[in-house]
Protein backbone atom coordinates (compact mmCIF):
# COMPACT_ATOMS: atom_id res chain seq x y z
CA MET A 1 30.97 -6.39 -27.76
CA ILE A 2 29.74 -3.92 -30.36
CA ILE A 3 31.50 -5.85 -33.12
CA LYS A 4 29.63 -9.02 -32.14
CA LEU A 5 26.36 -7.10 -32.35
CA LEU A 6 27.32 -5.82 -35.79
CA GLY A 7 28.07 -9.41 -36.81
CA TRP A 8 24.63 -10.57 -35.69
CA ALA A 9 23.01 -7.60 -37.45
CA LEU A 10 24.83 -8.53 -40.66
CA VAL A 11 23.60 -12.13 -40.31
CA LEU A 12 20.01 -10.94 -39.82
CA VAL A 13 20.10 -8.57 -42.79
CA VAL A 14 21.63 -11.22 -45.07
CA ILE A 15 19.04 -13.83 -44.06
CA VAL A 16 16.23 -11.40 -44.88
CA ALA A 17 17.92 -10.58 -48.21
CA ILE A 18 18.31 -14.28 -49.10
CA VAL A 19 14.66 -15.05 -48.28
CA GLY A 20 13.49 -12.07 -50.33
CA PHE A 21 15.76 -12.98 -53.22
CA ILE A 22 14.53 -16.59 -53.29
CA SER A 23 10.87 -15.58 -53.10
CA ASN A 24 11.35 -13.08 -55.96
CA SER A 25 13.15 -15.72 -58.01
CA LYS A 26 10.32 -18.20 -57.52
CA GLN A 27 7.72 -15.56 -58.34
CA PHE A 28 9.39 -14.64 -61.64
CA GLY A 29 10.59 -18.17 -62.44
CA THR A 30 14.29 -17.33 -62.62
CA SER A 31 17.20 -19.25 -61.15
CA PHE A 32 18.27 -18.12 -57.71
CA LEU A 33 21.75 -19.69 -57.83
CA THR A 34 23.45 -16.63 -59.28
CA LYS A 35 26.50 -14.52 -58.42
CA LYS A 36 24.30 -12.36 -56.20
CA MET A 37 23.35 -15.40 -54.11
CA GLY A 38 27.04 -16.27 -53.80
CA VAL A 39 27.73 -12.80 -52.42
CA TYR A 40 24.89 -13.22 -49.92
CA ILE A 41 26.27 -16.56 -48.73
CA ILE A 42 29.77 -15.12 -48.32
CA ALA A 43 28.34 -12.18 -46.36
CA LEU A 44 26.39 -14.62 -44.18
CA LEU A 45 29.51 -16.64 -43.41
CA LEU A 46 31.47 -13.45 -42.69
CA GLY A 47 28.76 -12.23 -40.32
CA LEU A 48 28.74 -15.56 -38.49
CA TYR A 49 32.53 -15.43 -38.20
CA ILE A 50 32.40 -11.91 -36.76
CA ALA A 51 29.58 -12.78 -34.36
CA LEU A 52 31.07 -16.01 -33.02
CA PHE A 53 34.79 -15.20 -32.82
């Protein structure tokens, strides 16, 4: 049970990080499809896997 909660917490944190990263990228006019975004997406998928299975 606690691992599922940690999975959902990871998903929430990653979503907030992605939204912040995209808004900063738009503000400064840089590309947001970088290695850092790839890491965020992998972390999001990992969190969903932990939360759902």
